[in-house]
Amino acid sequence: MESKKHIKLVEELFGKIKDWGYRIDGADLDNQNQPEIVDNKDNVGDGENKIPDILAYDESKNRVIRGEAKTGEGDIETEHSITQYLLFSNRSKNRVASWLYVMVPKNNKDFLNEVIIKNIPQTQWENIRLIASENY
């Protein structure tokens, strides 16, 4: 069971992704289709398959968009989270890299950036967008 804060962050990120014009294909929210599992076929990080909080699609660029919400309550630098960052920013469709949007409370954005720089190959950095919550 996700915390209320996590659910609120997913809802906020869902709204932003929708407002940016991406087609929402799934979200870990009530009354939404659940996002598809991302197969960890290369066995990166903790080696487990992962499900993003949000799955969307940019039809104009033929790009898969994945969204993750992190509360900053011990969930930014875990092996599970690092595996999500690795997987969700390293997939492509028709040779177009997928993008990962990660939303965190404002005061955690710099820490998330440090975690990304320390744990994710530089070639994937351009596929990750860090978003500070307007509500936390």
C-alpha atoms as a PDB file:
ATOM      1  CA  MET A   1       0.000   0.000   0.000  1.00  0.00           C
ATOM      2  CA  GLU A   2       1.453   3.335  -1.077  1.00  0.00           C
ATOM      3  CA  SER A   3       1.537   6.312   1.295  1.00  0.00           C
ATOM      4  CA  LYS A   4      -0.881   9.217   0.830  1.00  0.00           C
ATOM      5  CA  LYS A   5       2.082  11.449  -0.026  1.00  0.00           C
ATOM      6  CA  HIS A   6       3.199   9.059  -2.773  1.00  0.00           C
ATOM      7  CA  ILE A   7      -0.313   8.901  -4.218  1.00  0.00           C
ATOM      8  CA  LYS A   8      -0.560  12.716  -4.208  1.00  0.00           C
ATOM      9  CA  LEU A   9       2.793  12.977  -6.007  1.00  0.00           C
ATOM     10  CA  VAL A  10       1.690  10.417  -8.622  1.00  0.00           C
ATOM     11  CA  GLU A  11      -1.538  12.399  -9.131  1.00  0.00           C
ATOM     12  CA  GLU A  12       0.437  15.643  -9.527  1.00  0.00           C
ATOM     13  CA  LEU A  13       2.852  14.073 -12.013  1.00  0.00           C
ATOM     14  CA  PHE A  14      -0.066  12.473 -13.874  1.00  0.00           C
ATOM     15  CA  GLY A  15      -1.646  15.927 -14.295  1.00  0.00           C
ATOM     16  CA  LYS A  16       1.586  17.458 -15.573  1.00  0.00           C
ATOM     17  CA  ILE A  17       2.251  14.668 -18.066  1.00  0.00           C
ATOM     18  CA  LYS A  18      -1.310  14.942 -19.335  1.00  0.00           C
ATOM     19  CA  ASP A  19      -1.075  18.765 -19.543  1.00  0.00           C
ATOM     20  CA  TRP A  20       2.128  18.435 -21.594  1.00  0.00           C
ATOM     21  CA  GLY A  21       0.081  16.635 -24.235  1.00  0.00           C
ATOM     22  CA  TYR A  22       1.268  13.074 -23.747  1.00  0.00           C
ATOM     23  CA  ARG A  23      -1.240  10.243 -24.099  1.00  0.00           C
ATOM     24  CA  ILE A  24      -1.601   8.435 -20.765  1.00  0.00           C
ATOM     25  CA  ASP A  25      -1.558   4.652 -21.248  1.00  0.00           C
ATOM     26  CA  GLY A  26      -1.497   3.650 -17.581  1.00  0.00           C
ATOM     27  CA  ALA A  27      -1.045   4.928 -14.063  1.00  0.00           C
ATOM     28  CA  ASP A  28      -0.838   3.401 -10.624  1.00  0.00           C
ATOM     29  CA  LEU A  29      -3.996   5.253  -9.578  1.00  0.00           C
ATOM     30  CA  ASP A  30      -7.609   4.269  -9.025  1.00  0.00           C
ATOM     31  CA  ASN A  31      -9.707   4.105 -12.211  1.00  0.00           C
ATOM     32  CA  GLN A  32      -6.648   3.880 -14.469  1.00  0.00           C
ATOM     33  CA  ASN A  33      -5.128   1.028 -16.447  1.00  0.00           C
ATOM     34  CA  GLN A  34      -2.038  -0.248 -14.696  1.00  0.00           C
ATOM     35  CA  PRO A  35       1.292   0.473 -16.460  1.00  0.00           C
ATOM     36  CA  GLU A  36       3.053  -2.389 -18.187  1.00  0.00           C
ATOM     37  CA  ILE A  37       5.925  -4.220 -16.537  1.00  0.00           C
ATOM     38  CA  VAL A  38       9.380  -3.255 -17.785  1.00  0.00           C
ATOM     39  CA  ASP A  39      11.385  -6.432 -18.239  1.00  0.00           C
ATOM     40  CA  ASN A  40      14.821  -6.316 -16.657  1.00  0.00           C
ATOM     41  CA  LYS A  41      16.256  -8.638 -19.289  1.00  0.00           C
ATOM     42  CA  ASP A  42      19.768  -7.226 -18.823  1.00  0.00           C
ATOM     43  CA  ASN A  43      19.597  -7.892 -15.079  1.00  0.00           C
ATOM     44  CA  VAL A  44      20.656  -4.353 -14.096  1.00  0.00           C
ATOM     45  CA  GLY A  45      20.537  -3.081 -10.529  1.00  0.00           C
ATOM     46  CA  ASP A  46      18.543  -5.420  -8.294  1.00  0.00           C
ATOM     47  CA  GLY A  47      17.744  -7.630 -11.312  1.00  0.00           C
ATOM     48  CA  GLU A  48      13.970  -7.384 -10.861  1.00  0.00           C
ATOM     49  CA  ASN A  49      11.339  -6.291 -13.381  1.00  0.00           C
ATOM     50  CA  LYS A  50       9.774  -2.915 -12.555  1.00  0.00           C
ATOM     51  CA  ILE A  51       6.445  -1.169 -13.068  1.00  0.00           C
ATOM     52  CA  PRO A  52       6.475   2.638 -13.431  1.00  0.00           C
ATOM     53  CA  ASP A  53       3.929   4.816 -11.638  1.00  0.00           C
ATOM     54  CA  ILE A  54       2.869   6.281 -14.997  1.00  0.00           C
ATOM     55  CA  LEU A  55       3.170   5.095 -18.582  1.00  0.00           C
ATOM     56  CA  ALA A  56       2.527   7.617 -21.347  1.00  0.00           C
ATOM     57  CA  TYR A  57       3.337   8.181 -24.987  1.00  0.00           C
ATOM     58  CA  ASP A  58       4.474  11.184 -27.022  1.00  0.00           C
ATOM     59  CA  GLU A  59       2.749  10.541 -30.338  1.00  0.00           C
ATOM     60  CA  SER A  60       4.553  13.365 -32.144  1.00  0.00           C
ATOM     61  CA  LYS A  61       8.006  11.940 -31.328  1.00  0.00           C
ATOM     62  CA  ASN A  62       7.026   8.247 -31.118  1.00  0.00           C
ATOM     63  CA  ARG A  63       8.517   8.294 -27.599  1.00  0.00           C
ATOM     64  CA  VAL A  64       7.593   6.258 -24.526  1.00  0.00           C
ATOM     65  CA  ILE A  65       7.296   8.350 -21.363  1.00  0.00           C
ATOM     66  CA  ARG A  66       7.514   6.828 -17.892  1.00  0.00           C
ATOM     67  CA  GLY A  67       6.849   8.626 -14.630  1.00  0.00           C
ATOM     68  CA  GLU A  68       8.003   7.906 -11.108  1.00  0.00           C
ATOM     69  CA  ALA A  69       7.133   9.674  -7.865  1.00  0.00           C
ATOM     70  CA  LYS A  70       9.525   9.593  -4.924  1.00  0.00           C
ATOM     71  CA  THR A  71       8.504  10.971  -1.527  1.00  0.00           C
ATOM     72  CA  GLY A  72      12.027  11.574  -0.275  1.00  0.00           C
ATOM     73  CA  GLU A  73      11.265   9.391   2.726  1.00  0.00           C
ATOM     74  CA  GLY A  74      14.031   6.865   2.122  1.00  0.00           C
ATOM     75  CA  ASP A  75      12.970   6.019  -1.432  1.00  0.00           C
ATOM     76  CA  ILE A  76      15.320   8.051  -3.651  1.00  0.00           C
ATOM     77  CA  GLU A  77      18.590   6.138  -3.326  1.00  0.00           C
ATOM     78  CA  THR A  78      17.412   2.563  -2.762  1.00  0.00           C
ATOM     79  CA  GLU A  79      18.563  -0.238  -5.038  1.00  0.00           C
ATOM     80  CA  HIS A  80      14.932  -0.581  -6.189  1.00  0.00           C
ATOM     81  CA  SER A  81      14.776   3.108  -7.207  1.00  0.00           C
ATOM     82  CA  ILE A  82      18.180   3.106  -8.898  1.00  0.00           C
ATOM     83  CA  THR A  83      17.083   0.070 -10.914  1.00  0.00           C
ATOM     84  CA  GLN A  84      13.947   1.978 -11.949  1.00  0.00           C
ATOM     85  CA  TYR A  85      16.032   4.961 -13.094  1.00  0.00           C
ATOM     86  CA  LEU A  86      18.349   2.650 -15.048  1.00  0.00           C
ATOM     87  CA  LEU A  87      15.559   0.680 -16.716  1.00  0.00           C
ATOM     88  CA  PHE A  88      13.073   3.445 -17.430  1.00  0.00           C
ATOM     89  CA  SER A  89      15.635   5.775 -19.040  1.00  0.00           C
ATOM     90  CA  ASN A  90      17.337   3.091 -21.125  1.00  0.00           C
ATOM     91  CA  ARG A  91      14.558   1.699 -23.279  1.00  0.00           C
ATOM     92  CA  SER A  92      13.689   2.692 -26.791  1.00  0.00           C
ATOM     93  CA  LYS A  93      10.999   2.202 -29.369  1.00  0.00           C
ATOM     94  CA  ASN A  94      11.941   2.485 -33.034  1.00  0.00           C
ATOM     95  CA  ARG A  95      15.351   3.791 -31.888  1.00  0.00           C
ATOM     96  CA  VAL A  96      13.757   6.694 -29.993  1.00  0.00           C
ATOM     97  CA  ALA A  97      14.906   6.711 -26.359  1.00  0.00           C
ATOM     98  CA  SER A  98      12.235   6.685 -23.690  1.00  0.00           C
ATOM     99  CA  TRP A  99      12.101   9.522 -21.195  1.00  0.00           C
ATOM    100  CA  LEU A 100      11.748   9.188 -17.459  1.00  0.00           C
ATOM    101  CA  TYR A 101      10.111  11.938 -15.415  1.00  0.00           C
ATOM    102  CA  VAL A 102      10.832  11.707 -11.690  1.00  0.00           C
ATOM    103  CA  MET A 103       8.843  13.921  -9.319  1.00  0.00           C
ATOM    104  CA  VAL A 104      10.113  14.626  -5.816  1.00  0.00           C
ATOM    105  CA  PRO A 105       9.353  17.212  -3.125  1.00  0.00           C
ATOM    106  CA  LYS A 106      11.173  20.498  -3.830  1.00  0.00           C
ATOM    107  CA  ASN A 107      13.747  19.990  -1.093  1.00  0.00           C
ATOM    108  CA  ASN A 108      14.786  16.592  -2.541  1.00  0.00           C
ATOM    109  CA  LYS A 109      15.497  17.618  -6.147  1.00  0.00           C
ATOM    110  CA  ASP A 110      19.217  18.309  -5.610  1.00  0.00           C
ATOM    111  CA  PHE A 111      19.677  15.011  -3.763  1.00  0.00           C
ATOM    112  CA  LEU A 112      17.897  13.123  -6.576  1.00  0.00           C
ATOM    113  CA  ASN A 113      20.188  14.824  -9.094  1.00  0.00           C
ATOM    114  CA  GLU A 114      23.238  13.667  -7.104  1.00  0.00           C
ATOM    115  CA  VAL A 115      21.890  10.089  -7.031  1.00  0.00           C
ATOM    116  CA  ILE A 116      21.329  10.152 -10.810  1.00  0.00           C
ATOM    117  CA  ILE A 117      24.842  11.495 -11.475  1.00  0.00           C
ATOM    118  CA  LYS A 118      26.422   8.915  -9.159  1.00  0.00           C
ATOM    119  CA  ASN A 119      24.474   5.836 -10.339  1.00  0.00           C
ATOM    120  CA  ILE A 120      23.256   6.325 -13.902  1.00  0.00           C
ATOM    121  CA  PRO A 121      25.519   6.301 -16.981  1.00  0.00           C
ATOM    122  CA  GLN A 122      26.005   9.787 -18.399  1.00  0.00           C
ATOM    123  CA  THR A 123      24.630   8.581 -21.745  1.00  0.00           C
ATOM    124  CA  GLN A 124      21.208   8.214 -20.061  1.00  0.00           C
ATOM    125  CA  TRP A 125      21.119  11.565 -18.234  1.00  0.00           C
ATOM    126  CA  GLU A 126      19.475  13.345 -21.161  1.00  0.00           C
ATOM    127  CA  ASN A 127      16.568  10.881 -20.930  1.00  0.00           C
ATOM    128  CA  ILE A 128      15.751  11.781 -17.314  1.00  0.00           C
ATOM    129  CA  ARG A 129      13.710  14.823 -16.308  1.00  0.00           C
ATOM    130  CA  LEU A 130      13.646  15.827 -12.631  1.00  0.00           C
ATOM    131  CA  ILE A 131      10.466  17.571 -11.541  1.00  0.00           C
ATOM    132  CA  ALA A 132      10.015  19.397  -8.230  1.00  0.00           C
ATOM    133  CA  SER A 133       6.540  19.071  -6.755  1.00  0.00           C
ATOM    134  CA  GLU A 134       4.570  22.281  -6.459  1.00  0.00           C
ATOM    135  CA  ASN A 135       2.688  20.863  -3.456  1.00  0.00           C
ATOM    136  CA  TYR A 136       5.494  19.419  -1.287  1.00  0.00           C
END
